[in-house]
Amino acid sequence: MTETTEVQHEATSDGGRYISIIDGYEAEMTYKRSEDGTMIIDHTQVPEALGGRGIGKTLVKRAVYDARKANKKIVANCPYAKAQIEKNEDWRDVLK
């Protein structure tokens, strides 16, 4: 994973997305918010040109950080996000 990957957060009233633009390619992870503020991650997309660089993991890591900071939980409906959170023992506390 590249530690210098910049992740931007675009929030909407009912969810949002995390994005990282590298070499002109955009990687994103989208989510919805439930009524209690739970973040429901529904999709992660990393262009093939950026594959293998840990960018998807960086997006998930940022969501975990933000959920902790807001004292909220995550439901990972996206198979990639779910696998990443389950692989990282120190992230599992945010799962609902």
N, C-alpha and C. Protein backbone atom coordinates (compact mmCIF):
# COMPACT_ATOMS: atom_id res chain seq x y z
N MET A 1 0.85 -1.18 0.00
CA MET A 1 0.00 0.00 0.00
C MET A 1 0.89 1.24 0.00
N THR A 2 0.51 2.19 -0.79
CA THR A 2 1.26 3.42 -0.84
C THR A 2 0.73 4.39 0.21
N GLU A 3 1.59 4.85 1.07
CA GLU A 3 1.20 5.74 2.15
C GLU A 3 0.90 7.15 1.65
N THR A 4 1.31 7.49 0.43
CA THR A 4 1.12 8.83 -0.08
C THR A 4 -0.17 8.97 -0.90
N THR A 5 -0.95 7.92 -0.98
CA THR A 5 -2.20 7.98 -1.73
C THR A 5 -3.15 8.96 -1.06
N GLU A 6 -3.55 9.99 -1.78
CA GLU A 6 -4.49 10.97 -1.25
C GLU A 6 -5.91 10.47 -1.46
N VAL A 7 -6.70 10.49 -0.40
CA VAL A 7 -8.08 10.05 -0.47
C VAL A 7 -8.98 11.24 -0.16
N GLN A 8 -9.91 11.49 -1.05
CA GLN A 8 -10.88 12.56 -0.86
C GLN A 8 -12.21 11.94 -0.45
N HIS A 9 -12.95 12.66 0.37
CA HIS A 9 -14.26 12.19 0.82
C HIS A 9 -15.31 13.16 0.32
N GLU A 10 -16.28 12.65 -0.41
CA GLU A 10 -17.40 13.45 -0.89
C GLU A 10 -18.66 12.92 -0.22
N ALA A 11 -19.21 13.69 0.70
CA ALA A 11 -20.39 13.27 1.44
C ALA A 11 -21.66 13.87 0.83
N THR A 12 -22.73 13.10 0.89
CA THR A 12 -24.05 13.59 0.50
C THR A 12 -24.97 13.41 1.71
N SER A 13 -26.21 13.79 1.58
CA SER A 13 -27.13 13.68 2.71
C SER A 13 -27.40 12.23 3.10
N ASP A 14 -27.29 11.31 2.15
CA ASP A 14 -27.60 9.91 2.46
C ASP A 14 -26.43 8.94 2.26
N GLY A 15 -25.23 9.48 2.04
CA GLY A 15 -24.08 8.61 1.83
C GLY A 15 -22.91 9.39 1.31
N GLY A 16 -22.22 8.79 0.34
CA GLY A 16 -21.09 9.47 -0.25
C GLY A 16 -20.12 8.52 -0.89
N ARG A 17 -18.91 9.01 -1.09
CA ARG A 17 -17.88 8.18 -1.67
C ARG A 17 -16.51 8.69 -1.28
N TYR A 18 -15.57 7.76 -1.30
CA TYR A 18 -14.16 8.06 -1.12
C TYR A 18 -13.52 7.86 -2.48
N ILE A 19 -12.68 8.80 -2.87
CA ILE A 19 -12.03 8.68 -4.18
C ILE A 19 -10.54 8.98 -4.06
N SER A 20 -9.82 8.39 -4.98
CA SER A 20 -8.40 8.65 -5.11
C SER A 20 -8.11 8.72 -6.61
N ILE A 21 -7.52 9.82 -7.03
CA ILE A 21 -7.20 10.00 -8.45
C ILE A 21 -5.68 9.91 -8.59
N ILE A 22 -5.25 8.92 -9.35
CA ILE A 22 -3.82 8.67 -9.55
C ILE A 22 -3.57 8.47 -11.03
N ASP A 23 -2.59 9.18 -11.55
CA ASP A 23 -2.21 9.06 -12.97
C ASP A 23 -3.41 9.22 -13.89
N GLY A 24 -4.37 10.07 -13.49
CA GLY A 24 -5.54 10.32 -14.31
C GLY A 24 -6.66 9.30 -14.17
N TYR A 25 -6.47 8.27 -13.35
CA TYR A 25 -7.48 7.24 -13.11
C TYR A 25 -8.14 7.48 -11.76
N GLU A 26 -9.43 7.22 -11.69
CA GLU A 26 -10.17 7.42 -10.45
C GLU A 26 -10.60 6.10 -9.83
N ALA A 27 -10.18 5.87 -8.60
CA ALA A 27 -10.62 4.72 -7.81
C ALA A 27 -11.66 5.25 -6.84
N GLU A 28 -12.70 4.45 -6.57
CA GLU A 28 -13.73 4.93 -5.64
C GLU A 28 -14.32 3.81 -4.81
N MET A 29 -14.85 4.22 -3.68
CA MET A 29 -15.62 3.33 -2.81
C MET A 29 -16.85 4.14 -2.41
N THR A 30 -18.04 3.57 -2.66
CA THR A 30 -19.27 4.28 -2.35
C THR A 30 -19.98 3.66 -1.16
N TYR A 31 -20.80 4.48 -0.51
CA TYR A 31 -21.54 4.01 0.65
C TYR A 31 -22.84 4.79 0.82
N LYS A 32 -23.75 4.20 1.55
CA LYS A 32 -25.00 4.85 1.97
C LYS A 32 -24.95 4.95 3.48
N ARG A 33 -25.77 5.82 4.04
CA ARG A 33 -25.89 5.94 5.50
C ARG A 33 -27.29 5.49 5.91
N SER A 34 -27.34 4.66 6.96
CA SER A 34 -28.63 4.26 7.50
C SER A 34 -29.12 5.37 8.45
N GLU A 35 -30.32 5.22 8.94
CA GLU A 35 -30.89 6.24 9.83
C GLU A 35 -30.06 6.44 11.09
N ASP A 36 -29.41 5.38 11.57
CA ASP A 36 -28.60 5.51 12.79
C ASP A 36 -27.16 5.93 12.50
N GLY A 37 -26.86 6.25 11.24
CA GLY A 37 -25.53 6.72 10.88
C GLY A 37 -24.56 5.64 10.46
N THR A 38 -25.01 4.39 10.47
CA THR A 38 -24.15 3.29 10.03
C THR A 38 -23.75 3.52 8.57
N MET A 39 -22.46 3.31 8.28
CA MET A 39 -21.95 3.42 6.92
C MET A 39 -22.12 2.06 6.25
N ILE A 40 -22.86 2.02 5.15
CA ILE A 40 -23.09 0.78 4.42
C ILE A 40 -22.29 0.86 3.11
N ILE A 41 -21.12 0.21 3.11
CA ILE A 41 -20.26 0.24 1.94
C ILE A 41 -20.84 -0.72 0.90
N ASP A 42 -21.11 -0.18 -0.30
CA ASP A 42 -21.78 -1.00 -1.30
C ASP A 42 -20.95 -1.27 -2.56
N HIS A 43 -19.84 -0.55 -2.73
CA HIS A 43 -19.11 -0.75 -3.99
C HIS A 43 -17.69 -0.19 -3.86
N THR A 44 -16.74 -0.94 -4.38
CA THR A 44 -15.36 -0.47 -4.51
C THR A 44 -14.92 -0.75 -5.93
N GLN A 45 -14.34 0.26 -6.58
CA GLN A 45 -13.89 0.10 -7.96
C GLN A 45 -12.51 0.72 -8.11
N VAL A 46 -11.56 -0.10 -8.53
CA VAL A 46 -10.21 0.39 -8.82
C VAL A 46 -9.91 0.02 -10.27
N PRO A 47 -9.58 1.00 -11.10
CA PRO A 47 -9.27 0.70 -12.50
C PRO A 47 -8.11 -0.29 -12.61
N GLU A 48 -8.18 -1.11 -13.62
CA GLU A 48 -7.16 -2.14 -13.85
C GLU A 48 -5.75 -1.54 -13.87
N ALA A 49 -5.63 -0.34 -14.42
CA ALA A 49 -4.32 0.31 -14.51
C ALA A 49 -3.71 0.60 -13.13
N LEU A 50 -4.55 0.66 -12.11
CA LEU A 50 -4.06 0.94 -10.75
C LEU A 50 -4.04 -0.30 -9.87
N GLY A 51 -4.40 -1.44 -10.43
CA GLY A 51 -4.48 -2.67 -9.66
C GLY A 51 -3.15 -3.07 -9.04
N GLY A 52 -3.25 -3.72 -7.88
CA GLY A 52 -2.07 -4.24 -7.20
C GLY A 52 -1.27 -3.21 -6.43
N ARG A 53 -1.78 -2.01 -6.30
CA ARG A 53 -1.04 -0.94 -5.62
C ARG A 53 -1.61 -0.63 -4.23
N GLY A 54 -2.62 -1.38 -3.81
CA GLY A 54 -3.17 -1.17 -2.48
C GLY A 54 -4.12 0.00 -2.36
N ILE A 55 -4.59 0.51 -3.48
CA ILE A 55 -5.43 1.69 -3.45
C ILE A 55 -6.82 1.38 -2.88
N GLY A 56 -7.38 0.24 -3.25
CA GLY A 56 -8.68 -0.16 -2.69
C GLY A 56 -8.59 -0.30 -1.18
N LYS A 57 -7.52 -0.90 -0.72
CA LYS A 57 -7.32 -1.07 0.73
C LYS A 57 -7.21 0.30 1.42
N THR A 58 -6.55 1.23 0.76
CA THR A 58 -6.41 2.58 1.32
C THR A 58 -7.77 3.25 1.46
N LEU A 59 -8.66 3.04 0.50
CA LEU A 59 -10.00 3.61 0.58
C LEU A 59 -10.76 3.02 1.77
N VAL A 60 -10.66 1.71 1.94
CA VAL A 60 -11.33 1.05 3.06
C VAL A 60 -10.75 1.54 4.38
N LYS A 61 -9.44 1.66 4.44
CA LYS A 61 -8.77 2.14 5.65
C LYS A 61 -9.29 3.51 6.05
N ARG A 62 -9.48 4.39 5.09
CA ARG A 62 -9.98 5.74 5.39
C ARG A 62 -11.41 5.67 5.93
N ALA A 63 -12.24 4.80 5.36
CA ALA A 63 -13.61 4.65 5.85
C ALA A 63 -13.61 4.14 7.29
N VAL A 64 -12.74 3.19 7.59
CA VAL A 64 -12.63 2.66 8.95
C VAL A 64 -12.22 3.78 9.90
N TYR A 65 -11.24 4.57 9.51
CA TYR A 65 -10.78 5.69 10.33
C TYR A 65 -11.92 6.67 10.59
N ASP A 66 -12.64 7.04 9.53
CA ASP A 66 -13.74 8.00 9.68
C ASP A 66 -14.87 7.45 10.54
N ALA A 67 -15.18 6.15 10.38
CA ALA A 67 -16.24 5.54 11.20
C ALA A 67 -15.85 5.58 12.67
N ARG A 68 -14.62 5.25 12.97
CA ARG A 68 -14.15 5.30 14.37
C ARG A 68 -14.23 6.71 14.92
N LYS A 69 -13.77 7.65 14.13
CA LYS A 69 -13.74 9.05 14.56
C LYS A 69 -15.15 9.55 14.90
N ALA A 70 -16.15 9.09 14.13
CA ALA A 70 -17.54 9.49 14.34
C ALA A 70 -18.28 8.56 15.29
N ASN A 71 -17.57 7.54 15.81
CA ASN A 71 -18.18 6.55 16.69
C ASN A 71 -19.37 5.84 16.01
N LYS A 72 -19.17 5.46 14.75
CA LYS A 72 -20.19 4.78 13.95
C LYS A 72 -19.69 3.40 13.53
N LYS A 73 -20.59 2.58 13.04
CA LYS A 73 -20.26 1.24 12.59
C LYS A 73 -20.34 1.16 11.07
N ILE A 74 -19.78 0.07 10.53
CA ILE A 74 -19.78 -0.18 9.09
C ILE A 74 -20.46 -1.52 8.81
N VAL A 75 -21.31 -1.54 7.80
CA VAL A 75 -21.82 -2.77 7.21
C VAL A 75 -21.17 -2.84 5.84
N ALA A 76 -20.38 -3.88 5.62
CA ALA A 76 -19.65 -4.01 4.35
C ALA A 76 -20.40 -4.95 3.42
N ASN A 77 -21.28 -4.40 2.61
CA ASN A 77 -21.99 -5.20 1.60
C ASN A 77 -21.11 -5.45 0.38
N CYS A 78 -20.11 -4.65 0.19
CA CYS A 78 -19.15 -4.83 -0.90
C CYS A 78 -18.20 -5.96 -0.50
N PRO A 79 -18.10 -7.01 -1.31
CA PRO A 79 -17.23 -8.14 -0.97
C PRO A 79 -15.77 -7.74 -0.73
N TYR A 80 -15.25 -6.81 -1.51
CA TYR A 80 -13.87 -6.39 -1.33
C TYR A 80 -13.67 -5.70 0.02
N ALA A 81 -14.54 -4.74 0.35
CA ALA A 81 -14.41 -4.03 1.62
C ALA A 81 -14.58 -4.99 2.79
N LYS A 82 -15.52 -5.90 2.68
CA LYS A 82 -15.74 -6.88 3.75
C LYS A 82 -14.49 -7.74 3.96
N ALA A 83 -13.89 -8.20 2.88
CA ALA A 83 -12.69 -9.04 2.98
C ALA A 83 -11.54 -8.27 3.61
N GLN A 84 -11.38 -7.02 3.23
CA GLN A 84 -10.29 -6.21 3.78
C GLN A 84 -10.47 -5.98 5.28
N ILE A 85 -11.68 -5.67 5.69
CA ILE A 85 -11.93 -5.44 7.12
C ILE A 85 -11.74 -6.72 7.91
N GLU A 86 -12.22 -7.84 7.38
CA GLU A 86 -12.06 -9.11 8.09
C GLU A 86 -10.60 -9.56 8.16
N LYS A 87 -9.79 -9.22 7.15
CA LYS A 87 -8.36 -9.57 7.14
C LYS A 87 -7.56 -8.78 8.16
N ASN A 88 -8.00 -7.56 8.43
CA ASN A 88 -7.28 -6.67 9.33
C ASN A 88 -7.94 -6.69 10.70
N GLU A 89 -7.37 -7.47 11.58
CA GLU A 89 -7.94 -7.68 12.90
C GLU A 89 -8.23 -6.37 13.64
N ASP A 90 -7.38 -5.38 13.48
CA ASP A 90 -7.57 -4.12 14.18
C ASP A 90 -8.63 -3.22 13.54
N TRP A 91 -9.26 -3.67 12.47
CA TRP A 91 -10.36 -2.92 11.86
C TRP A 91 -11.72 -3.52 12.22
N ARG A 92 -11.74 -4.74 12.68
CA ARG A 92 -12.99 -5.47 12.88
C ARG A 92 -13.93 -4.82 13.88
N ASP A 93 -13.42 -3.98 14.76
CA ASP A 93 -14.26 -3.36 15.77
C ASP A 93 -15.33 -2.45 15.16
N VAL A 94 -15.15 -2.02 13.92
CA VAL A 94 -16.13 -1.12 13.31
C VAL A 94 -17.27 -1.87 12.63
N LEU A 95 -17.12 -3.18 12.45
CA LEU A 95 -18.18 -3.95 11.78
C LEU A 95 -19.43 -4.04 12.64
N LYS A 96 -20.55 -3.91 11.99
CA LYS A 96 -21.84 -4.04 12.67
C LYS A 96 -22.41 -5.40 12.39
